[in-house]
Amino acid sequence: MGRFTKIQPLLIFAAAFAGIVLGQIAFFSENMGGMIEPFLMVLLFFVFLKVDVKEIGHSFRNVRFSSTAVLINFVWTPILAVMLGYAFLGGPGDMMIGFVMLLVTPCTDWFMVFTGMSKGNLSLSASILPLNLVLQVVLLPVYLFLFFGTGSSFDLGSILISIVFVLAVPFIAANLVKAAVKALGRKGAMDEGIDKHGDNLQLIFLCLAVFAMFAPNGSMIIDDPVVLLQMLVPLVIFFALNFIISRAVGKALGFSFDDTTSLTFTVMARNSPLALAIAVAAFPDSPLIALVLVVGPLIELPILSLTSAVILRIRGKGEASFSA
């Protein structure tokens, strides 16, 4: 574990706080939004350096993992989201719409980072990524219609292209670098460098991406901080329940510790950037929906970071036993 990885929850929260505060300065609020994708792509580049392409092919055949993740993400999670919305957010309304949009869209990037930091099965996580992406875009309008009677129209094509670009460029770049290093006979040195510095480099760019995410939206949070308090309890309950469920299901199905770690972040991490992009396009006259999706990561990212630290501690102490 890298030196700074040990305090990653604190660093991520500090990055978000810095973004909110410095976002009151025009330079940061006007320019940082365009830096989210570059920082995220560099971050994913370091993640993909650890991913073996051959293993991804093997992971695609892990039907038990894929079906388990799909059932939790697209059957259990929407039901849980609606229950929490009625219990804590007063039922149907803009806040609940934003809350449900956040929870029914599983992450397509952050979860890889936290899986890597927790020493989970990155190849397995990469194999579920395309399925999560397609299903959430297809099913989100269905959930909105079922739960709220709300139709939505948005440019699916441009959203998909944007996401694929953010994922494909670092993936291709990482594999080109690995091929070049292997051709030069320096693979061992690169692997050693990644093992030694990879976690810290990922955390640095993760914090930069978090800062860039919050800087343009800091004023929204400062102007309406009550939303953060209203979202806190239901989101904490959501993450706690999905953590417990993923660990219990992984153990019951005989997943390895690494595979269970991948399942945990697959069903916990949410795709707030995608949900926010859709909300802005589909509900331009409902700023509260967008605000909920901005506030969500402020709670989510520190919890995911804390989850990573907990999993690493469990792994280190050997308190959990999983069969391969």
C-alpha atoms as a PDB file:
ATOM      1  CA  MET A   1       0.000   0.000   0.000  1.00  0.00           C
ATOM      2  CA  GLY A   2       1.349   3.439  -0.949  1.00  0.00           C
ATOM      3  CA  ARG A   3       2.139   5.921   1.779  1.00  0.00           C
ATOM      4  CA  PHE A   4      -0.746   8.242   0.882  1.00  0.00           C
ATOM      5  CA  THR A   5      -3.193   5.400   0.181  1.00  0.00           C
ATOM      6  CA  LYS A   6      -3.431   4.817   3.938  1.00  0.00           C
ATOM      7  CA  ILE A   7      -5.139   8.195   4.377  1.00  0.00           C
ATOM      8  CA  GLN A   8      -7.023   8.206   1.071  1.00  0.00           C
ATOM      9  CA  PRO A   9     -10.515   8.894   2.566  1.00  0.00           C
ATOM     10  CA  LEU A  10      -9.191  12.071   4.176  1.00  0.00           C
ATOM     11  CA  LEU A  11      -7.366  13.141   1.003  1.00  0.00           C
ATOM     12  CA  ILE A  12     -10.427  12.601  -1.207  1.00  0.00           C
ATOM     13  CA  PHE A  13     -12.662  14.552   1.149  1.00  0.00           C
ATOM     14  CA  ALA A  14     -10.024  17.317   1.270  1.00  0.00           C
ATOM     15  CA  ALA A  15      -9.930  17.417  -2.542  1.00  0.00           C
ATOM     16  CA  ALA A  16     -13.724  17.764  -2.702  1.00  0.00           C
ATOM     17  CA  PHE A  17     -13.697  20.467  -0.014  1.00  0.00           C
ATOM     18  CA  ALA A  18     -10.924  22.344  -1.811  1.00  0.00           C
ATOM     19  CA  GLY A  19     -12.929  22.177  -5.036  1.00  0.00           C
ATOM     20  CA  ILE A  20     -16.013  23.611  -3.343  1.00  0.00           C
ATOM     21  CA  VAL A  21     -14.043  26.439  -1.673  1.00  0.00           C
ATOM     22  CA  LEU A  22     -11.803  27.356  -4.604  1.00  0.00           C
ATOM     23  CA  GLY A  23     -14.753  26.981  -6.933  1.00  0.00           C
ATOM     24  CA  GLN A  24     -15.920  30.350  -5.615  1.00  0.00           C
ATOM     25  CA  ILE A  25     -13.005  31.836  -7.589  1.00  0.00           C
ATOM     26  CA  ALA A  26     -13.900  32.400 -11.240  1.00  0.00           C
ATOM     27  CA  PHE A  27     -10.672  30.893 -12.603  1.00  0.00           C
ATOM     28  CA  PHE A  28     -11.368  27.508 -11.010  1.00  0.00           C
ATOM     29  CA  SER A  29     -15.133  27.435 -11.567  1.00  0.00           C
ATOM     30  CA  GLU A  30     -14.732  28.316 -15.241  1.00  0.00           C
ATOM     31  CA  ASN A  31     -11.776  26.076 -16.127  1.00  0.00           C
ATOM     32  CA  MET A  32     -11.821  22.986 -13.929  1.00  0.00           C
ATOM     33  CA  GLY A  33     -14.881  21.380 -15.499  1.00  0.00           C
ATOM     34  CA  GLY A  34     -12.936  20.674 -18.665  1.00  0.00           C
ATOM     35  CA  MET A  35     -10.181  18.942 -16.701  1.00  0.00           C
ATOM     36  CA  ILE A  36     -12.314  16.152 -15.233  1.00  0.00           C
ATOM     37  CA  GLU A  37     -11.988  13.855 -18.240  1.00  0.00           C
ATOM     38  CA  PRO A  38      -8.212  14.381 -18.737  1.00  0.00           C
ATOM     39  CA  PHE A  39      -7.489  13.667 -15.067  1.00  0.00           C
ATOM     40  CA  LEU A  40      -9.801  10.657 -15.154  1.00  0.00           C
ATOM     41  CA  MET A  41      -8.143   9.318 -18.303  1.00  0.00           C
ATOM     42  CA  VAL A  42      -4.656   9.567 -16.790  1.00  0.00           C
ATOM     43  CA  LEU A  43      -5.988   7.874 -13.681  1.00  0.00           C
ATOM     44  CA  LEU A  44      -7.471   5.034 -15.728  1.00  0.00           C
ATOM     45  CA  PHE A  45      -4.217   4.731 -17.686  1.00  0.00           C
ATOM     46  CA  PHE A  46      -2.410   3.740 -14.477  1.00  0.00           C
ATOM     47  CA  VAL A  47      -5.268   1.387 -13.577  1.00  0.00           C
ATOM     48  CA  PHE A  48      -5.169  -0.345 -16.976  1.00  0.00           C
ATOM     49  CA  LEU A  49      -1.420  -0.835 -16.701  1.00  0.00           C
ATOM     50  CA  LYS A  50      -2.303  -3.497 -14.119  1.00  0.00           C
ATOM     51  CA  VAL A  51      -4.932  -5.204 -16.263  1.00  0.00           C
ATOM     52  CA  ASP A  52      -3.988  -8.282 -18.291  1.00  0.00           C
ATOM     53  CA  VAL A  53      -5.950  -8.287 -21.561  1.00  0.00           C
ATOM     54  CA  LYS A  54      -5.910 -12.084 -21.690  1.00  0.00           C
ATOM     55  CA  GLU A  55      -7.491 -12.248 -18.254  1.00  0.00           C
ATOM     56  CA  ILE A  56     -10.336  -9.997 -19.387  1.00  0.00           C
ATOM     57  CA  GLY A  57     -11.243 -12.618 -21.992  1.00  0.00           C
ATOM     58  CA  HIS A  58     -11.314 -15.293 -19.315  1.00  0.00           C
ATOM     59  CA  SER A  59     -13.401 -13.087 -17.034  1.00  0.00           C
ATOM     60  CA  PHE A  60     -16.101 -12.638 -19.687  1.00  0.00           C
ATOM     61  CA  ARG A  61     -16.905 -16.298 -19.209  1.00  0.00           C
ATOM     62  CA  ASN A  62     -17.547 -15.839 -15.479  1.00  0.00           C
ATOM     63  CA  VAL A  63     -21.318 -16.005 -15.807  1.00  0.00           C
ATOM     64  CA  ARG A  64     -21.913 -16.352 -12.063  1.00  0.00           C
ATOM     65  CA  PHE A  65     -20.166 -13.072 -11.329  1.00  0.00           C
ATOM     66  CA  SER A  66     -21.854 -11.189 -14.184  1.00  0.00           C
ATOM     67  CA  SER A  67     -25.353 -12.444 -13.374  1.00  0.00           C
ATOM     68  CA  THR A  68     -24.868 -11.699  -9.671  1.00  0.00           C
ATOM     69  CA  ALA A  69     -23.696  -8.148 -10.378  1.00  0.00           C
ATOM     70  CA  VAL A  70     -26.566  -7.532 -12.819  1.00  0.00           C
ATOM     71  CA  LEU A  71     -29.191  -8.794 -10.362  1.00  0.00           C
ATOM     72  CA  ILE A  72     -27.881  -6.581  -7.560  1.00  0.00           C
ATOM     73  CA  ASN A  73     -27.357  -3.509  -9.748  1.00  0.00           C
ATOM     74  CA  PHE A  74     -30.504  -3.618 -11.863  1.00  0.00           C
ATOM     75  CA  VAL A  75     -33.082  -5.464  -9.749  1.00  0.00           C
ATOM     76  CA  TRP A  76     -32.228  -5.025  -6.070  1.00  0.00           C
ATOM     77  CA  THR A  77     -30.721  -1.512  -6.264  1.00  0.00           C
ATOM     78  CA  PRO A  78     -33.700   0.203  -8.004  1.00  0.00           C
ATOM     79  CA  ILE A  79     -36.073  -1.317  -5.438  1.00  0.00           C
ATOM     80  CA  LEU A  80     -33.816  -0.170  -2.594  1.00  0.00           C
ATOM     81  CA  ALA A  81     -33.496   3.312  -4.127  1.00  0.00           C
ATOM     82  CA  VAL A  82     -37.264   3.789  -4.248  1.00  0.00           C
ATOM     83  CA  MET A  83     -37.720   2.487  -0.706  1.00  0.00           C
ATOM     84  CA  LEU A  84     -35.087   4.893   0.620  1.00  0.00           C
ATOM     85  CA  GLY A  85     -36.568   7.742  -1.399  1.00  0.00           C
ATOM     86  CA  TYR A  86     -39.997   7.260   0.150  1.00  0.00           C
ATOM     87  CA  ALA A  87     -38.540   6.782   3.631  1.00  0.00           C
ATOM     88  CA  PHE A  88     -36.168   9.774   3.705  1.00  0.00           C
ATOM     89  CA  LEU A  89     -36.920  12.154   0.824  1.00  0.00           C
ATOM     90  CA  GLY A  90     -40.668  12.562   1.038  1.00  0.00           C
ATOM     91  CA  GLY A  91     -41.623  10.430  -1.939  1.00  0.00           C
ATOM     92  CA  PRO A  92     -41.913  11.427  -5.626  1.00  0.00           C
ATOM     93  CA  GLY A  93     -40.393  14.792  -6.464  1.00  0.00           C
ATOM     94  CA  ASP A  94     -37.269  16.273  -8.009  1.00  0.00           C
ATOM     95  CA  MET A  95     -35.034  15.242  -5.121  1.00  0.00           C
ATOM     96  CA  MET A  96     -36.176  11.640  -5.291  1.00  0.00           C
ATOM     97  CA  ILE A  97     -35.803  11.596  -9.099  1.00  0.00           C
ATOM     98  CA  GLY A  98     -32.185  12.719  -8.756  1.00  0.00           C
ATOM     99  CA  PHE A  99     -31.597  10.227  -5.961  1.00  0.00           C
ATOM    100  CA  VAL A 100     -32.972   7.303  -7.990  1.00  0.00           C
ATOM    101  CA  MET A 101     -31.030   8.381 -11.099  1.00  0.00           C
ATOM    102  CA  LEU A 102     -27.856   8.341  -9.044  1.00  0.00           C
ATOM    103  CA  LEU A 103     -28.418   4.899  -7.548  1.00  0.00           C
ATOM    104  CA  VAL A 104     -29.624   3.011 -10.642  1.00  0.00           C
ATOM    105  CA  THR A 105     -26.554   3.935 -12.723  1.00  0.00           C
ATOM    106  CA  PRO A 106     -23.586   1.740 -11.718  1.00  0.00           C
ATOM    107  CA  CYS A 107     -20.150   3.250 -12.164  1.00  0.00           C
ATOM    108  CA  THR A 108     -18.094   2.742 -15.314  1.00  0.00           C
ATOM    109  CA  ASP A 109     -14.811   4.277 -14.164  1.00  0.00           C
ATOM    110  CA  TRP A 110     -14.375   5.094 -10.435  1.00  0.00           C
ATOM    111  CA  PHE A 111     -15.091   1.512  -9.410  1.00  0.00           C
ATOM    112  CA  MET A 112     -12.031   0.313 -11.341  1.00  0.00           C
ATOM    113  CA  VAL A 113      -9.856   2.724  -9.366  1.00  0.00           C
ATOM    114  CA  PHE A 114     -11.118   1.603  -5.965  1.00  0.00           C
ATOM    115  CA  THR A 115     -11.009  -2.044  -7.007  1.00  0.00           C
ATOM    116  CA  GLY A 116      -7.361  -1.593  -7.937  1.00  0.00           C
ATOM    117  CA  MET A 117      -6.559   0.209  -4.701  1.00  0.00           C
ATOM    118  CA  SER A 118      -8.188  -2.661  -2.795  1.00  0.00           C
ATOM    119  CA  LYS A 119      -6.229  -5.312  -4.756  1.00  0.00           C
ATOM    120  CA  GLY A 120      -9.402  -6.733  -6.290  1.00  0.00           C
ATOM    121  CA  ASN A 121      -9.729  -8.572  -9.606  1.00  0.00           C
ATOM    122  CA  LEU A 122      -9.315  -5.763 -12.139  1.00  0.00           C
ATOM    123  CA  SER A 123      -9.769  -8.029 -15.147  1.00  0.00           C
ATOM    124  CA  LEU A 124     -13.101  -9.239 -13.789  1.00  0.00           C
ATOM    125  CA  SER A 125     -14.178  -5.661 -13.098  1.00  0.00           C
ATOM    126  CA  ALA A 126     -13.235  -4.651 -16.644  1.00  0.00           C
ATOM    127  CA  SER A 127     -15.298  -7.506 -18.070  1.00  0.00           C
ATOM    128  CA  ILE A 128     -18.525  -6.299 -16.389  1.00  0.00           C
ATOM    129  CA  LEU A 129     -17.996  -2.694 -17.468  1.00  0.00           C
ATOM    130  CA  PRO A 130     -19.578  -2.850 -20.978  1.00  0.00           C
ATOM    131  CA  LEU A 131     -22.628  -4.678 -19.645  1.00  0.00           C
ATOM    132  CA  ASN A 132     -23.126  -2.110 -16.872  1.00  0.00           C
ATOM    133  CA  LEU A 133     -22.800   0.749 -19.352  1.00  0.00           C
ATOM    134  CA  VAL A 134     -25.324  -0.563 -21.865  1.00  0.00           C
ATOM    135  CA  LEU A 135     -27.886  -1.735 -19.310  1.00  0.00           C
ATOM    136  CA  GLN A 136     -27.942   1.499 -17.314  1.00  0.00           C
ATOM    137  CA  VAL A 137     -28.454   3.677 -20.383  1.00  0.00           C
ATOM    138  CA  VAL A 138     -31.197   1.385 -21.702  1.00  0.00           C
ATOM    139  CA  LEU A 139     -32.945   0.887 -18.354  1.00  0.00           C
ATOM    140  CA  LEU A 140     -32.767   4.404 -16.890  1.00  0.00           C
ATOM    141  CA  PRO A 141     -35.756   5.715 -18.915  1.00  0.00           C
ATOM    142  CA  VAL A 142     -37.636   2.536 -17.948  1.00  0.00           C
ATOM    143  CA  TYR A 143     -37.005   3.160 -14.240  1.00  0.00           C
ATOM    144  CA  LEU A 144     -38.063   6.810 -14.553  1.00  0.00           C
ATOM    145  CA  PHE A 145     -41.276   5.787 -16.277  1.00  0.00           C
ATOM    146  CA  LEU A 146     -42.067   2.981 -13.829  1.00  0.00           C
ATOM    147  CA  PHE A 147     -41.347   4.955 -10.674  1.00  0.00           C
ATOM    148  CA  PHE A 148     -42.367   8.482 -11.684  1.00  0.00           C
ATOM    149  CA  GLY A 149     -44.341   8.220 -14.931  1.00  0.00           C
ATOM    150  CA  THR A 150     -41.680  10.472 -16.413  1.00  0.00           C
ATOM    151  CA  GLY A 151     -40.448   9.992 -19.945  1.00  0.00           C
ATOM    152  CA  SER A 152     -37.033  11.347 -20.848  1.00  0.00           C
ATOM    153  CA  SER A 153     -35.300  12.142 -24.085  1.00  0.00           C
ATOM    154  CA  PHE A 154     -31.567  12.606 -24.322  1.00  0.00           C
ATOM    155  CA  ASP A 155     -28.819  12.040 -26.817  1.00  0.00           C
ATOM    156  CA  LEU A 156     -27.766   8.476 -26.031  1.00  0.00           C
ATOM    157  CA  GLY A 157     -25.279   8.433 -28.871  1.00  0.00           C
ATOM    158  CA  SER A 158     -23.186  11.371 -27.681  1.00  0.00           C
ATOM    159  CA  ILE A 159     -23.225  10.108 -24.092  1.00  0.00           C
ATOM    160  CA  LEU A 160     -22.048   6.659 -25.122  1.00  0.00           C
ATOM    161  CA  ILE A 161     -19.335   8.076 -27.374  1.00  0.00           C
ATOM    162  CA  SER A 162     -18.051  10.299 -24.567  1.00  0.00           C
ATOM    163  CA  ILE A 163     -17.873   7.425 -22.073  1.00  0.00           C
ATOM    164  CA  VAL A 164     -16.280   5.015 -24.533  1.00  0.00           C
ATOM    165  CA  PHE A 165     -13.678   7.675 -25.417  1.00  0.00           C
ATOM    166  CA  VAL A 166     -12.741   8.206 -21.772  1.00  0.00           C
ATOM    167  CA  LEU A 167     -12.320   4.454 -21.306  1.00  0.00           C
ATOM    168  CA  ALA A 168     -10.849   3.427 -24.671  1.00  0.00           C
ATOM    169  CA  VAL A 169      -8.021   5.979 -24.906  1.00  0.00           C
ATOM    170  CA  PRO A 170      -6.323   5.085 -21.589  1.00  0.00           C
ATOM    171  CA  PHE A 171      -6.940   1.366 -22.207  1.00  0.00           C
ATOM    172  CA  ILE A 172      -5.266   1.484 -25.631  1.00  0.00           C
ATOM    173  CA  ALA A 173      -2.459   3.745 -24.384  1.00  0.00           C
ATOM    174  CA  ALA A 174      -1.726   1.449 -21.438  1.00  0.00           C
ATOM    175  CA  ASN A 175      -1.520  -1.623 -23.660  1.00  0.00           C
ATOM    176  CA  LEU A 176       0.708   0.154 -26.205  1.00  0.00           C
ATOM    177  CA  VAL A 177       3.068   1.151 -23.395  1.00  0.00           C
ATOM    178  CA  LYS A 178       3.115  -2.400 -22.028  1.00  0.00           C
ATOM    179  CA  ALA A 179       3.852  -3.788 -25.503  1.00  0.00           C
ATOM    180  CA  ALA A 180       6.684  -1.290 -26.039  1.00  0.00           C
ATOM    181  CA  VAL A 181       8.198  -1.961 -22.609  1.00  0.00           C
ATOM    182  CA  LYS A 182       8.000  -5.710 -23.193  1.00  0.00           C
ATOM    183  CA  ALA A 183       9.724  -5.326 -26.581  1.00  0.00           C
ATOM    184  CA  LEU A 184      12.539  -3.401 -24.898  1.00  0.00           C
ATOM    185  CA  GLY A 185      12.912  -6.117 -22.260  1.00  0.00           C
ATOM    186  CA  ARG A 186      11.973  -3.773 -19.410  1.00  0.00           C
ATOM    187  CA  LYS A 187       8.710  -5.383 -18.310  1.00  0.00           C
ATOM    188  CA  GLY A 188      10.122  -6.412 -14.935  1.00  0.00           C
ATOM    189  CA  ALA A 189      11.295  -2.879 -14.178  1.00  0.00           C
ATOM    190  CA  MET A 190       7.900  -1.428 -15.186  1.00  0.00           C
ATOM    191  CA  ASP A 191       6.010  -3.924 -13.017  1.00  0.00           C
ATOM    192  CA  GLU A 192       8.249  -3.075 -10.082  1.00  0.00           C
ATOM    193  CA  GLY A 193       7.655   0.638 -10.613  1.00  0.00           C
ATOM    194  CA  ILE A 194       3.890   0.152 -10.788  1.00  0.00           C
ATOM    195  CA  ASP A 195       3.904  -1.924  -7.615  1.00  0.00           C
ATOM    196  CA  LYS A 196       5.958   0.735  -5.841  1.00  0.00           C
ATOM    197  CA  HIS A 197       4.364   3.948  -7.086  1.00  0.00           C
ATOM    198  CA  GLY A 198       1.102   2.946  -8.824  1.00  0.00           C
ATOM    199  CA  ASP A 199      -1.232   3.413  -5.850  1.00  0.00           C
ATOM    200  CA  ASN A 200       0.115   6.865  -5.047  1.00  0.00           C
ATOM    201  CA  LEU A 201      -0.089   7.999  -8.689  1.00  0.00           C
ATOM    202  CA  GLN A 202      -3.680   6.776  -8.939  1.00  0.00           C
ATOM    203  CA  LEU A 203      -4.603   8.583  -5.743  1.00  0.00           C
ATOM    204  CA  ILE A 204      -3.008  11.846  -6.922  1.00  0.00           C
ATOM    205  CA  PHE A 205      -5.024  11.897 -10.141  1.00  0.00           C
ATOM    206  CA  LEU A 206      -8.138  10.699  -8.334  1.00  0.00           C
ATOM    207  CA  CYS A 207      -7.881  13.714  -6.024  1.00  0.00           C
ATOM    208  CA  LEU A 208      -7.291  16.016  -8.997  1.00  0.00           C
ATOM    209  CA  ALA A 209     -10.371  14.587 -10.751  1.00  0.00           C
ATOM    210  CA  VAL A 210     -12.448  15.026  -7.582  1.00  0.00           C
ATOM    211  CA  PHE A 211     -11.239  18.627  -7.245  1.00  0.00           C
ATOM    212  CA  ALA A 212     -12.117  19.307 -10.891  1.00  0.00           C
ATOM    213  CA  MET A 213     -15.560  17.741 -10.413  1.00  0.00           C
ATOM    214  CA  PHE A 214     -16.525  19.952  -7.485  1.00  0.00           C
ATOM    215  CA  ALA A 215     -14.908  23.264  -8.484  1.00  0.00           C
ATOM    216  CA  PRO A 216     -17.543  24.169 -11.123  1.00  0.00           C
ATOM    217  CA  ASN A 217     -20.396  23.093  -8.831  1.00  0.00           C
ATOM    218  CA  GLY A 218     -19.217  24.431  -5.481  1.00  0.00           C
ATOM    219  CA  SER A 219     -21.649  27.354  -5.512  1.00  0.00           C
ATOM    220  CA  MET A 220     -24.627  25.023  -5.912  1.00  0.00           C
ATOM    221  CA  ILE A 221     -23.646  23.121  -2.772  1.00  0.00           C
ATOM    222  CA  ILE A 222     -22.886  26.256  -0.751  1.00  0.00           C
ATOM    223  CA  ASP A 223     -26.164  27.894  -1.820  1.00  0.00           C
ATOM    224  CA  ASP A 224     -28.234  24.867  -0.760  1.00  0.00           C
ATOM    225  CA  PRO A 225     -26.308  22.826   1.867  1.00  0.00           C
ATOM    226  CA  VAL A 226     -29.536  21.299   3.220  1.00  0.00           C
ATOM    227  CA  VAL A 227     -29.577  18.906   0.255  1.00  0.00           C
ATOM    228  CA  LEU A 228     -26.299  17.414   1.476  1.00  0.00           C
ATOM    229  CA  LEU A 229     -27.802  16.727   4.893  1.00  0.00           C
ATOM    230  CA  GLN A 230     -30.985  15.250   3.398  1.00  0.00           C
ATOM    231  CA  MET A 231     -28.960  12.917   1.167  1.00  0.00           C
ATOM    232  CA  LEU A 232     -26.535  11.803   3.861  1.00  0.00           C
ATOM    233  CA  VAL A 233     -28.587   9.208   5.747  1.00  0.00           C
ATOM    234  CA  PRO A 234     -30.211   7.400   2.778  1.00  0.00           C
ATOM    235  CA  LEU A 235     -26.906   7.245   0.886  1.00  0.00           C
ATOM    236  CA  VAL A 236     -25.013   5.912   3.904  1.00  0.00           C
ATOM    237  CA  ILE A 237     -27.707   3.250   4.335  1.00  0.00           C
ATOM    238  CA  PHE A 238     -27.492   2.365   0.638  1.00  0.00           C
ATOM    239  CA  PHE A 239     -23.704   1.950   0.675  1.00  0.00           C
ATOM    240  CA  ALA A 240     -23.736   0.029   3.954  1.00  0.00           C
ATOM    241  CA  LEU A 241     -26.406  -2.403   2.755  1.00  0.00           C
ATOM    242  CA  ASN A 242     -24.740  -3.032  -0.603  1.00  0.00           C
ATOM    243  CA  PHE A 243     -21.393  -3.555   1.105  1.00  0.00           C
ATOM    244  CA  ILE A 244     -22.888  -6.146   3.457  1.00  0.00           C
ATOM    245  CA  ILE A 245     -24.877  -7.831   0.660  1.00  0.00           C
ATOM    246  CA  SER A 246     -21.915  -8.031  -1.719  1.00  0.00           C
ATOM    247  CA  ARG A 247     -19.643  -9.575   0.926  1.00  0.00           C
ATOM    248  CA  ALA A 248     -22.323 -12.052   2.023  1.00  0.00           C
ATOM    249  CA  VAL A 249     -23.277 -13.044  -1.538  1.00  0.00           C
ATOM    250  CA  GLY A 250     -19.626 -13.364  -2.566  1.00  0.00           C
ATOM    251  CA  LYS A 251     -18.942 -15.677   0.348  1.00  0.00           C
ATOM    252  CA  ALA A 252     -22.134 -17.695  -0.206  1.00  0.00           C
ATOM    253  CA  LEU A 253     -21.295 -18.234  -3.886  1.00  0.00           C
ATOM    254  CA  GLY A 254     -17.701 -19.201  -3.155  1.00  0.00           C
ATOM    255  CA  PHE A 255     -16.087 -16.202  -4.855  1.00  0.00           C
ATOM    256  CA  SER A 256     -12.436 -15.576  -4.089  1.00  0.00           C
ATOM    257  CA  PHE A 257     -11.556 -12.583  -1.914  1.00  0.00           C
ATOM    258  CA  ASP A 258     -10.378 -10.680  -5.019  1.00  0.00           C
ATOM    259  CA  ASP A 259     -13.577 -11.449  -6.947  1.00  0.00           C
ATOM    260  CA  THR A 260     -15.734 -10.460  -3.987  1.00  0.00           C
ATOM    261  CA  THR A 261     -13.840  -7.173  -3.771  1.00  0.00           C
ATOM    262  CA  SER A 262     -14.647  -6.555  -7.442  1.00  0.00           C
ATOM    263  CA  LEU A 263     -18.313  -7.314  -6.772  1.00  0.00           C
ATOM    264  CA  THR A 264     -18.352  -4.926  -3.817  1.00  0.00           C
ATOM    265  CA  PHE A 265     -17.228  -1.900  -5.824  1.00  0.00           C
ATOM    266  CA  THR A 266     -19.315  -2.898  -8.845  1.00  0.00           C
ATOM    267  CA  VAL A 267     -22.493  -2.692  -6.754  1.00  0.00           C
ATOM    268  CA  MET A 268     -21.468   0.237  -4.538  1.00  0.00           C
ATOM    269  CA  ALA A 269     -19.906   2.805  -6.897  1.00  0.00           C
ATOM    270  CA  ARG A 270     -22.375   4.968  -8.825  1.00  0.00           C
ATOM    271  CA  ASN A 271     -22.077   6.763 -12.163  1.00  0.00           C
ATOM    272  CA  SER A 272     -22.895  10.310 -11.086  1.00  0.00           C
ATOM    273  CA  PRO A 273     -21.246  11.988 -14.149  1.00  0.00           C
ATOM    274  CA  LEU A 274     -23.437   9.989 -16.536  1.00  0.00           C
ATOM    275  CA  ALA A 275     -26.570  10.543 -14.460  1.00  0.00           C
ATOM    276  CA  LEU A 276     -25.789  14.277 -14.236  1.00  0.00           C
ATOM    277  CA  ALA A 277     -25.278  14.557 -18.001  1.00  0.00           C
ATOM    278  CA  ILE A 278     -28.618  12.854 -18.610  1.00  0.00           C
ATOM    279  CA  ALA A 279     -30.380  14.974 -15.976  1.00  0.00           C
ATOM    280  CA  VAL A 280     -29.139  18.242 -17.476  1.00  0.00           C
ATOM    281  CA  ALA A 281     -30.329  17.146 -20.929  1.00  0.00           C
ATOM    282  CA  ALA A 282     -33.614  15.562 -19.861  1.00  0.00           C
ATOM    283  CA  PHE A 283     -34.674  17.913 -17.033  1.00  0.00           C
ATOM    284  CA  PRO A 284     -33.265  21.372 -17.903  1.00  0.00           C
ATOM    285  CA  ASP A 285     -35.937  23.116 -15.799  1.00  0.00           C
ATOM    286  CA  SER A 286     -35.319  21.033 -12.653  1.00  0.00           C
ATOM    287  CA  PRO A 287     -32.055  22.259 -11.059  1.00  0.00           C
ATOM    288  CA  LEU A 288     -32.733  20.315  -7.851  1.00  0.00           C
ATOM    289  CA  ILE A 289     -32.266  17.034  -9.744  1.00  0.00           C
ATOM    290  CA  ALA A 290     -28.847  18.189 -10.937  1.00  0.00           C
ATOM    291  CA  LEU A 291     -27.938  19.406  -7.441  1.00  0.00           C
ATOM    292  CA  VAL A 292     -28.695  15.988  -5.952  1.00  0.00           C
ATOM    293  CA  LEU A 293     -26.369  14.402  -8.510  1.00  0.00           C
ATOM    294  CA  VAL A 294     -23.640  16.928  -7.685  1.00  0.00           C
ATOM    295  CA  VAL A 295     -23.966  16.312  -3.947  1.00  0.00           C
ATOM    296  CA  GLY A 296     -24.008  12.512  -4.319  1.00  0.00           C
ATOM    297  CA  PRO A 297     -20.264  12.066  -5.005  1.00  0.00           C
ATOM    298  CA  LEU A 298     -19.388  14.271  -2.028  1.00  0.00           C
ATOM    299  CA  ILE A 299     -20.817  11.494   0.140  1.00  0.00           C
ATOM    300  CA  GLU A 300     -20.007   8.558  -2.131  1.00  0.00           C
ATOM    301  CA  LEU A 301     -16.279   9.060  -2.787  1.00  0.00           C
ATOM    302  CA  PRO A 302     -15.135   9.226   0.864  1.00  0.00           C
ATOM    303  CA  ILE A 303     -17.297   6.164   1.617  1.00  0.00           C
ATOM    304  CA  LEU A 304     -15.758   4.216  -1.274  1.00  0.00           C
ATOM    305  CA  SER A 305     -12.317   5.236  -0.101  1.00  0.00           C
ATOM    306  CA  LEU A 306     -13.137   4.151   3.442  1.00  0.00           C
ATOM    307  CA  THR A 307     -14.484   0.857   2.064  1.00  0.00           C
ATOM    308  CA  SER A 308     -11.177   0.319   0.268  1.00  0.00           C
ATOM    309  CA  ALA A 309      -9.287   0.886   3.516  1.00  0.00           C
ATOM    310  CA  VAL A 310     -11.574  -1.563   5.365  1.00  0.00           C
ATOM    311  CA  ILE A 311     -11.115  -4.256   2.706  1.00  0.00           C
ATOM    312  CA  LEU A 312      -7.334  -3.821   2.766  1.00  0.00           C
ATOM    313  CA  ARG A 313      -7.375  -4.154   6.553  1.00  0.00           C
ATOM    314  CA  ILE A 314      -9.494  -7.326   6.362  1.00  0.00           C
ATOM    315  CA  ARG A 315      -7.163  -8.731   3.734  1.00  0.00           C
ATOM    316  CA  GLY A 316      -4.082  -7.892   5.790  1.00  0.00           C
ATOM    317  CA  LYS A 317      -5.425  -9.459   8.968  1.00  0.00           C
ATOM    318  CA  GLY A 318      -6.760 -12.517   7.158  1.00  0.00           C
ATOM    319  CA  GLU A 319     -10.102 -12.220   8.946  1.00  0.00           C
ATOM    320  CA  ALA A 320     -12.098 -13.432   5.974  1.00  0.00           C
ATOM    321  CA  SER A 321     -11.819 -16.821   4.306  1.00  0.00           C
ATOM    322  CA  PHE A 322     -13.033 -17.293   0.738  1.00  0.00           C
ATOM    323  CA  SER A 323     -12.772 -20.302  -1.509  1.00  0.00           C
ATOM    324  CA  ALA A 324     -11.430 -19.752  -5.002  1.00  0.00           C
END
